[in-house]
Amino acid sequence: MRRAFKRWIARTFNTWRAPAANALLDWSEDGGEALRMRFDGLGPTDTVLDFGGFEGDWAAKLHDTHGCRVHVFEPHPVFVDRLRARFSGNDAIVIHPFAVGSADGTLPLSDDGDASSALSGRGTVEGMVRAAAKVMADLPEPRFAVAKINIEGGEYDLLPALIKAGALPRIDRLQVQFHLYERDHLEARADLVRRIEATHAPDWSYPFVWEQWTRRDA
């Protein structure tokens, strides 16, 4: 039955989307959401990075559960306002009202809730982008216990910039949701995984759903 369902999913999507469809099925069957939120050893002395803060649920969960400090990066002005209101008075959760990428600039964003993106949908609002090299140099912490990246296709710009800036060795655990908006993203993800694994060992992988790596010398 499971194999038949996988074949149905593959037929439902374009053939090149089948890896994401199959991974999503495995993620659901394996209870992936609980796995994604498991961070053994995380505590109040740790700092984490949240690239793609949306409305702050992930940041709030990690802070409430582990007491850690969180840097939240979110370029969408509507979500920035909500984040600031939600975490007003909480100095442990720092809101950065911009995306992080290869260079300073602006980007048109769709207004699609948690799927708002510069790569999908229609640009209706504008967000700021700051260069990763400068952002990481300005952050005072020497290391980060976790970095979560869920930025609706922006990972293909952010991750090469973090690698080029030499920032990955500062991150103990890296958690990424790659997005499959076009066929070229299959090879783009594969290339980035190879580059990530120069410094980080894979913990688990559900391609184009969620994946996690731990720094090899952590």
N, C-alpha and C. Protein backbone atom coordinates (compact mmCIF):
# COMPACT_ATOMS: atom_id res chain seq x y z
N MET A 1 0.83 -1.20 0.00
CA MET A 1 0.00 0.00 0.00
C MET A 1 0.87 1.27 0.00
N ARG A 2 1.92 1.24 0.83
CA ARG A 2 2.80 2.40 0.91
C ARG A 2 3.48 2.66 -0.43
N ARG A 3 3.95 1.59 -1.09
CA ARG A 3 4.60 1.76 -2.39
C ARG A 3 3.62 2.30 -3.42
N ALA A 4 2.38 1.80 -3.38
CA ALA A 4 1.37 2.28 -4.32
C ALA A 4 1.09 3.76 -4.09
N PHE A 5 1.06 4.16 -2.82
CA PHE A 5 0.81 5.58 -2.51
C PHE A 5 1.95 6.44 -3.00
N LYS A 6 3.18 5.95 -2.85
CA LYS A 6 4.34 6.69 -3.35
C LYS A 6 4.26 6.86 -4.86
N ARG A 7 3.87 5.80 -5.55
CA ARG A 7 3.76 5.89 -7.00
C ARG A 7 2.67 6.89 -7.39
N TRP A 8 1.59 6.90 -6.62
CA TRP A 8 0.50 7.85 -6.88
C TRP A 8 0.98 9.28 -6.69
N ILE A 9 1.76 9.52 -5.61
CA ILE A 9 2.29 10.86 -5.36
C ILE A 9 3.21 11.28 -6.51
N ALA A 10 4.07 10.35 -6.94
CA ALA A 10 4.99 10.68 -8.03
C ALA A 10 4.24 11.02 -9.31
N ARG A 11 3.13 10.32 -9.57
CA ARG A 11 2.34 10.63 -10.76
C ARG A 11 1.58 11.94 -10.59
N THR A 12 1.19 12.25 -9.35
CA THR A 12 0.43 13.47 -9.09
C THR A 12 1.26 14.70 -9.38
N PHE A 13 2.54 14.68 -8.97
CA PHE A 13 3.45 15.77 -9.24
C PHE A 13 4.20 15.50 -10.54
N ASN A 14 4.89 16.50 -11.04
CA ASN A 14 5.79 16.27 -12.16
C ASN A 14 6.87 15.29 -11.72
N THR A 15 7.41 14.54 -12.66
CA THR A 15 8.38 13.49 -12.31
C THR A 15 9.54 14.03 -11.50
N TRP A 16 10.03 15.22 -11.84
CA TRP A 16 11.19 15.75 -11.12
C TRP A 16 10.85 16.19 -9.70
N ARG A 17 9.57 16.25 -9.37
CA ARG A 17 9.17 16.58 -7.99
C ARG A 17 9.00 15.33 -7.11
N ALA A 18 9.14 14.15 -7.69
CA ALA A 18 8.91 12.93 -6.93
C ALA A 18 9.77 12.80 -5.68
N PRO A 19 11.08 13.20 -5.69
CA PRO A 19 11.87 13.07 -4.45
C PRO A 19 11.27 13.82 -3.27
N ALA A 20 10.71 14.99 -3.53
CA ALA A 20 10.09 15.75 -2.45
C ALA A 20 8.82 15.08 -1.97
N ALA A 21 8.03 14.54 -2.90
CA ALA A 21 6.79 13.87 -2.53
C ALA A 21 7.07 12.64 -1.68
N ASN A 22 8.06 11.85 -2.08
CA ASN A 22 8.40 10.65 -1.31
C ASN A 22 8.95 11.00 0.07
N ALA A 23 9.78 12.04 0.13
CA ALA A 23 10.34 12.45 1.42
C ALA A 23 9.26 12.95 2.36
N LEU A 24 8.27 13.64 1.82
CA LEU A 24 7.17 14.14 2.65
C LEU A 24 6.38 12.99 3.25
N LEU A 25 6.16 11.94 2.47
CA LEU A 25 5.47 10.76 2.99
C LEU A 25 6.28 10.12 4.11
N ASP A 26 7.59 9.95 3.91
CA ASP A 26 8.45 9.37 4.95
C ASP A 26 8.46 10.24 6.20
N TRP A 27 8.53 11.55 6.03
CA TRP A 27 8.53 12.50 7.15
C TRP A 27 7.27 12.32 8.00
N SER A 28 6.15 12.21 7.34
CA SER A 28 4.89 12.06 8.06
C SER A 28 4.84 10.74 8.82
N GLU A 29 5.27 9.67 8.17
CA GLU A 29 5.23 8.35 8.81
C GLU A 29 6.22 8.25 9.97
N ASP A 30 7.34 8.97 9.89
CA ASP A 30 8.38 8.89 10.92
C ASP A 30 8.18 9.88 12.06
N GLY A 31 7.11 10.67 12.02
CA GLY A 31 6.91 11.67 13.06
C GLY A 31 7.96 12.74 13.02
N GLY A 32 8.22 13.25 11.83
CA GLY A 32 9.33 14.16 11.61
C GLY A 32 9.26 15.46 12.39
N GLU A 33 8.06 15.96 12.65
CA GLU A 33 7.97 17.24 13.35
C GLU A 33 8.54 17.16 14.76
N ALA A 34 8.32 16.04 15.44
CA ALA A 34 8.92 15.85 16.77
C ALA A 34 10.44 15.77 16.67
N LEU A 35 10.93 15.10 15.63
CA LEU A 35 12.37 15.01 15.42
C LEU A 35 12.97 16.38 15.18
N ARG A 36 12.30 17.20 14.40
CA ARG A 36 12.80 18.53 14.06
C ARG A 36 12.93 19.43 15.28
N MET A 37 12.09 19.22 16.28
CA MET A 37 12.09 20.08 17.46
C MET A 37 12.88 19.48 18.63
N ARG A 38 13.62 18.42 18.38
CA ARG A 38 14.42 17.79 19.44
C ARG A 38 15.83 18.35 19.40
N PHE A 39 16.22 19.04 20.47
CA PHE A 39 17.56 19.63 20.56
C PHE A 39 18.17 19.28 21.91
N ASP A 40 18.67 18.07 22.03
CA ASP A 40 19.28 17.62 23.28
C ASP A 40 20.48 18.50 23.62
N GLY A 41 20.56 18.87 24.89
CA GLY A 41 21.71 19.64 25.37
C GLY A 41 21.60 21.13 25.22
N LEU A 42 20.57 21.61 24.55
CA LEU A 42 20.40 23.05 24.38
C LEU A 42 19.98 23.68 25.70
N GLY A 43 20.58 24.84 26.05
CA GLY A 43 20.28 25.44 27.34
C GLY A 43 20.37 26.95 27.33
N PRO A 44 20.21 27.57 28.51
CA PRO A 44 20.14 29.03 28.61
C PRO A 44 21.42 29.76 28.20
N THR A 45 22.53 29.09 28.17
CA THR A 45 23.77 29.75 27.75
C THR A 45 23.97 29.73 26.23
N ASP A 46 23.05 29.09 25.51
CA ASP A 46 23.18 28.94 24.06
C ASP A 46 22.44 30.04 23.30
N THR A 47 22.91 30.29 22.09
CA THR A 47 22.27 31.23 21.17
C THR A 47 21.97 30.49 19.87
N VAL A 48 20.79 30.75 19.31
CA VAL A 48 20.40 30.11 18.05
C VAL A 48 20.02 31.17 17.02
N LEU A 49 20.06 30.77 15.76
CA LEU A 49 19.73 31.66 14.64
C LEU A 49 18.48 31.14 13.95
N ASP A 50 17.53 32.02 13.74
CA ASP A 50 16.27 31.66 13.09
C ASP A 50 16.15 32.47 11.80
N PHE A 51 16.58 31.87 10.68
CA PHE A 51 16.47 32.53 9.38
C PHE A 51 15.11 32.19 8.78
N GLY A 52 14.21 33.17 8.76
CA GLY A 52 12.84 32.95 8.32
C GLY A 52 11.94 32.82 9.52
N GLY A 53 11.82 33.91 10.28
CA GLY A 53 11.12 33.85 11.56
C GLY A 53 9.62 33.72 11.47
N PHE A 54 9.02 34.19 10.37
CA PHE A 54 7.57 34.20 10.18
C PHE A 54 6.92 34.86 11.40
N GLU A 55 6.07 34.16 12.14
CA GLU A 55 5.39 34.76 13.29
C GLU A 55 6.04 34.40 14.62
N GLY A 56 7.17 33.69 14.59
CA GLY A 56 7.95 33.48 15.80
C GLY A 56 7.68 32.21 16.57
N ASP A 57 6.92 31.28 16.01
CA ASP A 57 6.60 30.07 16.78
C ASP A 57 7.84 29.24 17.10
N TRP A 58 8.73 29.07 16.13
CA TRP A 58 9.94 28.27 16.38
C TRP A 58 10.82 28.96 17.42
N ALA A 59 11.01 30.25 17.29
CA ALA A 59 11.82 31.00 18.25
C ALA A 59 11.23 30.91 19.65
N ALA A 60 9.91 31.08 19.75
CA ALA A 60 9.25 31.01 21.06
C ALA A 60 9.40 29.64 21.68
N LYS A 61 9.25 28.59 20.87
CA LYS A 61 9.35 27.22 21.37
C LYS A 61 10.74 26.95 21.93
N LEU A 62 11.78 27.34 21.18
CA LEU A 62 13.14 27.08 21.66
C LEU A 62 13.46 27.90 22.90
N HIS A 63 13.02 29.15 22.92
CA HIS A 63 13.28 29.97 24.11
C HIS A 63 12.51 29.45 25.32
N ASP A 64 11.24 29.14 25.13
CA ASP A 64 10.42 28.68 26.26
C ASP A 64 10.88 27.32 26.78
N THR A 65 11.32 26.45 25.90
CA THR A 65 11.71 25.09 26.30
C THR A 65 13.13 25.03 26.85
N HIS A 66 14.04 25.79 26.23
CA HIS A 66 15.46 25.66 26.57
C HIS A 66 16.07 26.92 27.19
N GLY A 67 15.35 28.03 27.14
CA GLY A 67 15.86 29.26 27.72
C GLY A 67 16.93 29.95 26.90
N CYS A 68 17.12 29.53 25.65
CA CYS A 68 18.22 30.07 24.86
C CYS A 68 17.89 31.44 24.28
N ARG A 69 18.92 32.14 23.85
CA ARG A 69 18.79 33.42 23.18
C ARG A 69 18.58 33.15 21.68
N VAL A 70 17.74 33.96 21.02
CA VAL A 70 17.40 33.73 19.62
C VAL A 70 17.56 35.01 18.81
N HIS A 71 18.30 34.92 17.70
CA HIS A 71 18.33 35.98 16.70
C HIS A 71 17.36 35.58 15.59
N VAL A 72 16.32 36.38 15.39
CA VAL A 72 15.29 36.08 14.39
C VAL A 72 15.46 37.02 13.19
N PHE A 73 15.58 36.44 12.00
CA PHE A 73 15.73 37.22 10.78
C PHE A 73 14.47 37.06 9.93
N GLU A 74 13.80 38.18 9.66
CA GLU A 74 12.55 38.14 8.91
C GLU A 74 12.39 39.43 8.10
N PRO A 75 12.31 39.33 6.76
CA PRO A 75 12.25 40.54 5.95
C PRO A 75 10.83 41.07 5.70
N HIS A 76 9.84 40.22 5.87
CA HIS A 76 8.47 40.64 5.51
C HIS A 76 7.95 41.65 6.53
N PRO A 77 7.61 42.87 6.11
CA PRO A 77 7.24 43.91 7.08
C PRO A 77 6.04 43.57 7.94
N VAL A 78 5.09 42.83 7.41
CA VAL A 78 3.92 42.44 8.21
C VAL A 78 4.35 41.52 9.35
N PHE A 79 5.20 40.53 9.04
CA PHE A 79 5.65 39.59 10.06
C PHE A 79 6.61 40.25 11.04
N VAL A 80 7.39 41.21 10.57
CA VAL A 80 8.28 41.94 11.47
C VAL A 80 7.46 42.64 12.56
N ASP A 81 6.38 43.29 12.16
CA ASP A 81 5.53 43.97 13.14
C ASP A 81 4.95 42.99 14.14
N ARG A 82 4.53 41.83 13.66
CA ARG A 82 3.96 40.82 14.57
C ARG A 82 5.03 40.27 15.51
N LEU A 83 6.22 40.05 15.00
CA LEU A 83 7.31 39.56 15.85
C LEU A 83 7.66 40.57 16.93
N ARG A 84 7.76 41.82 16.55
CA ARG A 84 8.08 42.86 17.54
C ARG A 84 7.02 42.96 18.62
N ALA A 85 5.76 42.84 18.23
CA ALA A 85 4.68 42.89 19.22
C ALA A 85 4.72 41.65 20.12
N ARG A 86 4.94 40.51 19.53
CA ARG A 86 4.93 39.26 20.30
C ARG A 86 6.05 39.19 21.32
N PHE A 87 7.24 39.66 20.95
CA PHE A 87 8.39 39.52 21.82
C PHE A 87 8.81 40.84 22.47
N SER A 88 7.92 41.79 22.47
CA SER A 88 8.21 43.07 23.12
C SER A 88 8.57 42.85 24.59
N GLY A 89 9.68 43.42 25.01
CA GLY A 89 10.11 43.28 26.40
C GLY A 89 10.94 42.04 26.67
N ASN A 90 11.12 41.18 25.68
CA ASN A 90 11.93 39.97 25.85
C ASN A 90 13.28 40.19 25.16
N ASP A 91 14.26 40.55 25.94
CA ASP A 91 15.58 40.87 25.39
C ASP A 91 16.32 39.65 24.86
N ALA A 92 15.82 38.45 25.18
CA ALA A 92 16.49 37.23 24.74
C ALA A 92 16.13 36.86 23.30
N ILE A 93 15.10 37.50 22.76
CA ILE A 93 14.70 37.24 21.38
C ILE A 93 14.86 38.54 20.60
N VAL A 94 15.86 38.56 19.72
CA VAL A 94 16.25 39.77 19.00
C VAL A 94 15.71 39.70 17.57
N ILE A 95 14.94 40.70 17.18
CA ILE A 95 14.34 40.72 15.86
C ILE A 95 15.22 41.54 14.91
N HIS A 96 15.62 40.92 13.81
CA HIS A 96 16.38 41.59 12.76
C HIS A 96 15.45 41.72 11.55
N PRO A 97 15.04 42.94 11.16
CA PRO A 97 14.01 43.11 10.13
C PRO A 97 14.55 43.05 8.71
N PHE A 98 15.23 41.98 8.40
CA PHE A 98 15.79 41.82 7.06
C PHE A 98 16.12 40.36 6.82
N ALA A 99 16.22 40.02 5.54
CA ALA A 99 16.73 38.71 5.14
C ALA A 99 18.25 38.77 5.09
N VAL A 100 18.87 37.62 5.04
CA VAL A 100 20.32 37.54 4.93
C VAL A 100 20.64 36.80 3.63
N GLY A 101 21.56 37.36 2.84
CA GLY A 101 21.89 36.76 1.56
C GLY A 101 23.30 37.08 1.13
N SER A 102 23.53 37.05 -0.17
CA SER A 102 24.88 37.24 -0.69
C SER A 102 25.30 38.70 -0.72
N ALA A 103 24.32 39.62 -0.77
CA ALA A 103 24.65 41.05 -0.88
C ALA A 103 23.52 41.89 -0.32
N ASP A 104 23.85 43.13 0.05
CA ASP A 104 22.82 44.07 0.49
C ASP A 104 21.87 44.38 -0.67
N GLY A 105 20.62 44.63 -0.33
CA GLY A 105 19.66 44.99 -1.37
C GLY A 105 18.24 44.90 -0.87
N THR A 106 17.32 44.83 -1.80
CA THR A 106 15.91 44.64 -1.47
C THR A 106 15.38 43.48 -2.31
N LEU A 107 14.25 42.92 -1.90
CA LEU A 107 13.64 41.87 -2.69
C LEU A 107 12.13 41.99 -2.62
N PRO A 108 11.46 41.76 -3.74
CA PRO A 108 10.00 41.74 -3.74
C PRO A 108 9.51 40.43 -3.14
N LEU A 109 8.55 40.50 -2.25
CA LEU A 109 8.04 39.31 -1.58
C LEU A 109 6.56 39.12 -1.90
N SER A 110 6.17 37.87 -2.09
CA SER A 110 4.76 37.57 -2.20
C SER A 110 4.13 37.70 -0.82
N ASP A 111 2.84 37.78 -0.78
CA ASP A 111 2.12 37.92 0.50
C ASP A 111 1.29 36.66 0.71
N ASP A 112 2.01 35.53 0.93
CA ASP A 112 1.37 34.22 0.99
C ASP A 112 1.53 33.57 2.36
N GLY A 113 1.44 34.33 3.44
CA GLY A 113 1.56 33.76 4.77
C GLY A 113 2.92 33.16 4.99
N ASP A 114 2.96 31.92 5.54
CA ASP A 114 4.26 31.31 5.85
C ASP A 114 5.00 30.84 4.61
N ALA A 115 4.38 30.97 3.42
CA ALA A 115 5.06 30.62 2.17
C ALA A 115 5.47 31.86 1.40
N SER A 116 5.44 33.03 2.00
CA SER A 116 5.84 34.24 1.32
C SER A 116 7.28 34.12 0.84
N SER A 117 7.51 34.49 -0.41
CA SER A 117 8.81 34.21 -1.02
C SER A 117 9.11 35.18 -2.14
N ALA A 118 10.40 35.32 -2.44
CA ALA A 118 10.81 36.08 -3.61
C ALA A 118 10.83 35.18 -4.85
N LEU A 119 10.73 33.85 -4.66
CA LEU A 119 10.83 32.92 -5.78
C LEU A 119 9.49 32.34 -6.21
N SER A 120 8.49 32.44 -5.34
CA SER A 120 7.17 31.91 -5.69
C SER A 120 6.14 32.97 -5.41
N GLY A 121 5.01 32.84 -6.04
CA GLY A 121 3.98 33.83 -5.83
C GLY A 121 4.29 35.12 -6.56
N ARG A 122 3.60 36.17 -6.19
CA ARG A 122 3.72 37.45 -6.88
C ARG A 122 4.21 38.51 -5.89
N GLY A 123 5.24 39.25 -6.28
CA GLY A 123 5.81 40.25 -5.38
C GLY A 123 4.85 41.39 -5.13
N THR A 124 4.44 41.55 -3.88
CA THR A 124 3.50 42.61 -3.52
C THR A 124 4.04 43.52 -2.43
N VAL A 125 5.07 43.07 -1.69
CA VAL A 125 5.70 43.89 -0.66
C VAL A 125 7.21 43.80 -0.85
N GLU A 126 7.93 44.70 -0.23
CA GLU A 126 9.38 44.73 -0.38
C GLU A 126 10.06 44.52 0.96
N GLY A 127 11.10 43.69 0.96
CA GLY A 127 11.87 43.46 2.16
C GLY A 127 13.33 43.83 1.95
N MET A 128 14.05 44.02 3.04
CA MET A 128 15.47 44.34 2.98
C MET A 128 16.31 43.06 3.05
N VAL A 129 17.47 43.11 2.41
CA VAL A 129 18.44 42.02 2.48
C VAL A 129 19.78 42.59 2.94
N ARG A 130 20.44 41.89 3.84
CA ARG A 130 21.78 42.28 4.29
C ARG A 130 22.77 41.17 3.94
N ALA A 131 23.97 41.56 3.61
CA ALA A 131 25.01 40.60 3.22
C ALA A 131 25.39 39.71 4.40
N ALA A 132 25.45 38.41 4.15
CA ALA A 132 25.74 37.44 5.22
C ALA A 132 27.08 37.70 5.89
N ALA A 133 28.09 38.04 5.10
CA ALA A 133 29.42 38.26 5.68
C ALA A 133 29.38 39.36 6.74
N LYS A 134 28.68 40.44 6.45
CA LYS A 134 28.59 41.56 7.39
C LYS A 134 27.72 41.20 8.59
N VAL A 135 26.60 40.55 8.34
CA VAL A 135 25.70 40.17 9.43
C VAL A 135 26.41 39.25 10.41
N MET A 136 27.08 38.22 9.90
CA MET A 136 27.74 37.28 10.79
C MET A 136 28.91 37.92 11.53
N ALA A 137 29.61 38.84 10.87
CA ALA A 137 30.71 39.54 11.53
C ALA A 137 30.21 40.43 12.65
N ASP A 138 29.00 40.96 12.49
CA ASP A 138 28.45 41.88 13.49
C ASP A 138 27.84 41.16 14.70
N LEU A 139 27.47 39.90 14.54
CA LEU A 139 26.90 39.17 15.67
C LEU A 139 28.01 38.89 16.69
N PRO A 140 27.78 39.20 17.96
CA PRO A 140 28.86 39.11 18.94
C PRO A 140 29.21 37.70 19.39
N GLU A 141 28.29 36.75 19.22
CA GLU A 141 28.53 35.41 19.72
C GLU A 141 29.55 34.67 18.86
N PRO A 142 30.50 33.98 19.47
CA PRO A 142 31.50 33.24 18.69
C PRO A 142 30.95 31.98 18.05
N ARG A 143 29.88 31.42 18.63
CA ARG A 143 29.29 30.19 18.09
C ARG A 143 27.78 30.21 18.34
N PHE A 144 27.09 29.37 17.54
CA PHE A 144 25.64 29.27 17.64
C PHE A 144 25.27 27.79 17.74
N ALA A 145 24.43 27.47 18.69
CA ALA A 145 24.08 26.07 18.93
C ALA A 145 23.25 25.49 17.80
N VAL A 146 22.38 26.31 17.21
CA VAL A 146 21.51 25.86 16.12
C VAL A 146 21.31 27.01 15.15
N ALA A 147 21.23 26.68 13.87
CA ALA A 147 20.74 27.63 12.88
C ALA A 147 19.64 26.94 12.09
N LYS A 148 18.46 27.54 12.08
CA LYS A 148 17.33 27.01 11.32
C LYS A 148 17.11 27.90 10.10
N ILE A 149 17.02 27.29 8.91
CA ILE A 149 16.83 28.05 7.68
C ILE A 149 15.56 27.55 6.99
N ASN A 150 14.56 28.41 6.94
CA ASN A 150 13.32 28.12 6.21
C ASN A 150 12.89 29.43 5.56
N ILE A 151 13.41 29.68 4.36
CA ILE A 151 13.22 30.99 3.74
C ILE A 151 12.72 30.90 2.30
N GLU A 152 11.94 29.85 2.04
CA GLU A 152 11.14 29.76 0.82
C GLU A 152 11.94 29.99 -0.46
N GLY A 153 13.06 29.29 -0.58
CA GLY A 153 13.90 29.39 -1.77
C GLY A 153 15.12 30.27 -1.60
N GLY A 154 15.12 31.14 -0.60
CA GLY A 154 16.26 32.01 -0.35
C GLY A 154 17.49 31.26 0.13
N GLU A 155 17.32 29.99 0.51
CA GLU A 155 18.46 29.19 0.97
C GLU A 155 19.52 29.04 -0.12
N TYR A 156 19.10 29.13 -1.39
CA TYR A 156 20.06 28.96 -2.48
C TYR A 156 20.95 30.19 -2.64
N ASP A 157 20.58 31.27 -2.01
CA ASP A 157 21.43 32.46 -1.95
C ASP A 157 22.17 32.54 -0.62
N LEU A 158 21.45 32.23 0.48
CA LEU A 158 22.03 32.36 1.82
C LEU A 158 23.14 31.36 2.09
N LEU A 159 22.90 30.08 1.82
CA LEU A 159 23.89 29.07 2.19
C LEU A 159 25.25 29.27 1.50
N PRO A 160 25.29 29.53 0.18
CA PRO A 160 26.62 29.82 -0.41
C PRO A 160 27.29 31.03 0.22
N ALA A 161 26.48 32.03 0.61
CA ALA A 161 27.06 33.22 1.23
C ALA A 161 27.63 32.90 2.62
N LEU A 162 26.93 32.07 3.38
CA LEU A 162 27.45 31.66 4.70
C LEU A 162 28.72 30.84 4.55
N ILE A 163 28.74 29.96 3.57
CA ILE A 163 29.93 29.13 3.32
C ILE A 163 31.11 30.02 2.92
N LYS A 164 30.87 30.93 1.98
CA LYS A 164 31.94 31.82 1.51
C LYS A 164 32.48 32.69 2.64
N ALA A 165 31.59 33.10 3.55
CA ALA A 165 32.01 33.94 4.67
C ALA A 165 32.72 33.15 5.77
N GLY A 166 32.78 31.83 5.64
CA GLY A 166 33.41 31.00 6.67
C GLY A 166 32.59 30.91 7.93
N ALA A 167 31.26 31.06 7.81
CA ALA A 167 30.40 31.12 8.98
C ALA A 167 29.93 29.75 9.47
N LEU A 168 29.92 28.73 8.60
CA LEU A 168 29.38 27.44 9.02
C LEU A 168 30.11 26.83 10.22
N PRO A 169 31.44 26.96 10.34
CA PRO A 169 32.09 26.39 11.52
C PRO A 169 31.65 27.02 12.85
N ARG A 170 30.97 28.16 12.81
CA ARG A 170 30.44 28.77 14.04
C ARG A 170 29.11 28.16 14.45
N ILE A 171 28.53 27.29 13.60
CA ILE A 171 27.20 26.74 13.83
C ILE A 171 27.31 25.26 14.19
N ASP A 172 26.83 24.89 15.37
CA ASP A 172 26.92 23.49 15.81
C ASP A 172 25.95 22.59 15.04
N ARG A 173 24.67 23.00 14.99
CA ARG A 173 23.66 22.22 14.28
C ARG A 173 22.98 23.10 13.24
N LEU A 174 22.88 22.57 12.04
CA LEU A 174 22.29 23.31 10.93
C LEU A 174 21.05 22.56 10.46
N GLN A 175 19.92 23.27 10.43
CA GLN A 175 18.65 22.66 10.04
C GLN A 175 18.09 23.46 8.87
N VAL A 176 17.84 22.78 7.74
CA VAL A 176 17.47 23.47 6.51
C VAL A 176 16.24 22.84 5.88
N GLN A 177 15.32 23.68 5.42
CA GLN A 177 14.25 23.22 4.54
C GLN A 177 14.56 23.75 3.14
N PHE A 178 15.03 22.84 2.27
CA PHE A 178 15.23 23.20 0.87
C PHE A 178 13.87 23.21 0.16
N HIS A 179 13.75 24.07 -0.84
CA HIS A 179 12.50 24.19 -1.59
C HIS A 179 12.73 23.79 -3.04
N LEU A 180 11.73 23.14 -3.61
CA LEU A 180 11.82 22.62 -4.97
C LEU A 180 10.82 23.36 -5.86
N TYR A 181 11.18 24.57 -6.23
CA TYR A 181 10.30 25.38 -7.08
C TYR A 181 10.55 25.13 -8.56
N GLU A 182 11.74 24.66 -8.89
CA GLU A 182 12.08 24.43 -10.29
C GLU A 182 13.08 23.28 -10.38
N ARG A 183 13.20 22.69 -11.55
CA ARG A 183 14.04 21.49 -11.72
C ARG A 183 15.49 21.73 -11.31
N ASP A 184 16.03 22.91 -11.57
CA ASP A 184 17.42 23.21 -11.24
C ASP A 184 17.71 23.12 -9.75
N HIS A 185 16.68 23.20 -8.93
CA HIS A 185 16.89 23.12 -7.49
C HIS A 185 17.32 21.73 -7.03
N LEU A 186 17.07 20.71 -7.84
CA LEU A 186 17.56 19.38 -7.50
C LEU A 186 19.08 19.36 -7.42
N GLU A 187 19.74 19.87 -8.45
CA GLU A 187 21.20 19.90 -8.46
C GLU A 187 21.74 20.96 -7.50
N ALA A 188 21.02 22.08 -7.36
CA ALA A 188 21.47 23.13 -6.44
C ALA A 188 21.52 22.60 -5.01
N ARG A 189 20.49 21.86 -4.62
CA ARG A 189 20.48 21.27 -3.28
C ARG A 189 21.62 20.26 -3.13
N ALA A 190 21.80 19.38 -4.13
CA ALA A 190 22.84 18.37 -4.05
C ALA A 190 24.22 19.01 -3.89
N ASP A 191 24.46 20.08 -4.61
CA ASP A 191 25.74 20.78 -4.52
C ASP A 191 25.92 21.38 -3.13
N LEU A 192 24.87 21.99 -2.59
CA LEU A 192 24.98 22.61 -1.27
C LEU A 192 25.16 21.56 -0.18
N VAL A 193 24.50 20.42 -0.32
CA VAL A 193 24.69 19.34 0.66
C VAL A 193 26.15 18.89 0.68
N ARG A 194 26.74 18.75 -0.49
CA ARG A 194 28.17 18.37 -0.55
C ARG A 194 29.03 19.41 0.16
N ARG A 195 28.73 20.66 -0.03
CA ARG A 195 29.53 21.72 0.59
C ARG A 195 29.30 21.79 2.10
N ILE A 196 28.07 21.61 2.53
CA ILE A 196 27.77 21.59 3.97
C ILE A 196 28.52 20.44 4.64
N GLU A 197 28.58 19.29 3.98
CA GLU A 197 29.15 18.11 4.61
C GLU A 197 30.68 18.12 4.65
N ALA A 198 31.28 19.19 4.14
CA ALA A 198 32.71 19.39 4.36
C ALA A 198 32.99 19.74 5.81
N THR A 199 32.02 20.34 6.48
CA THR A 199 32.20 20.76 7.88
C THR A 199 31.20 20.11 8.82
N HIS A 200 30.08 19.59 8.31
CA HIS A 200 29.00 19.06 9.15
C HIS A 200 28.61 17.65 8.70
N ALA A 201 28.36 16.78 9.67
CA ALA A 201 27.91 15.42 9.37
C ALA A 201 26.39 15.36 9.38
N PRO A 202 25.78 14.60 8.47
CA PRO A 202 24.32 14.51 8.43
C PRO A 202 23.75 13.77 9.64
N ASP A 203 22.71 14.32 10.22
CA ASP A 203 21.98 13.65 11.30
C ASP A 203 20.78 12.89 10.73
N TRP A 204 20.01 13.54 9.91
CA TRP A 204 18.87 12.92 9.23
C TRP A 204 18.51 13.78 8.03
N SER A 205 17.83 13.16 7.06
CA SER A 205 17.55 13.87 5.81
C SER A 205 16.23 13.43 5.21
N TYR A 206 15.36 14.39 4.99
CA TYR A 206 14.13 14.22 4.22
C TYR A 206 14.17 15.32 3.16
N PRO A 207 14.77 15.01 1.99
CA PRO A 207 15.05 16.07 1.01
C PRO A 207 13.82 16.90 0.64
N PHE A 208 14.01 18.20 0.68
CA PHE A 208 12.98 19.19 0.37
C PHE A 208 11.84 19.19 1.39
N VAL A 209 12.08 18.56 2.54
CA VAL A 209 11.15 18.68 3.68
C VAL A 209 11.94 19.32 4.81
N TRP A 210 12.80 18.55 5.50
CA TRP A 210 13.74 19.08 6.48
C TRP A 210 14.96 18.18 6.52
N GLU A 211 16.11 18.80 6.80
CA GLU A 211 17.37 18.07 6.95
C GLU A 211 18.19 18.72 8.05
N GLN A 212 19.02 17.91 8.72
CA GLN A 212 19.84 18.45 9.80
C GLN A 212 21.25 17.87 9.75
N TRP A 213 22.22 18.73 10.08
CA TRP A 213 23.63 18.36 10.17
C TRP A 213 24.21 18.85 11.49
N THR A 214 25.22 18.15 12.00
CA THR A 214 25.95 18.58 13.19
C THR A 214 27.41 18.79 12.83
N ARG A 215 27.98 19.88 13.33
CA ARG A 215 29.39 20.19 13.05
C ARG A 215 30.27 19.02 13.45
N ARG A 216 31.18 18.64 12.57
CA ARG A 216 31.97 17.42 12.76
C ARG A 216 32.85 17.46 14.00
N ASP A 217 33.31 18.63 14.40
CA ASP A 217 34.18 18.70 15.58
C ASP A 217 33.43 19.26 16.79
N ALA A 218 32.10 19.21 16.76
CA ALA A 218 31.31 19.74 17.89
C ALA A 218 31.44 18.83 19.11
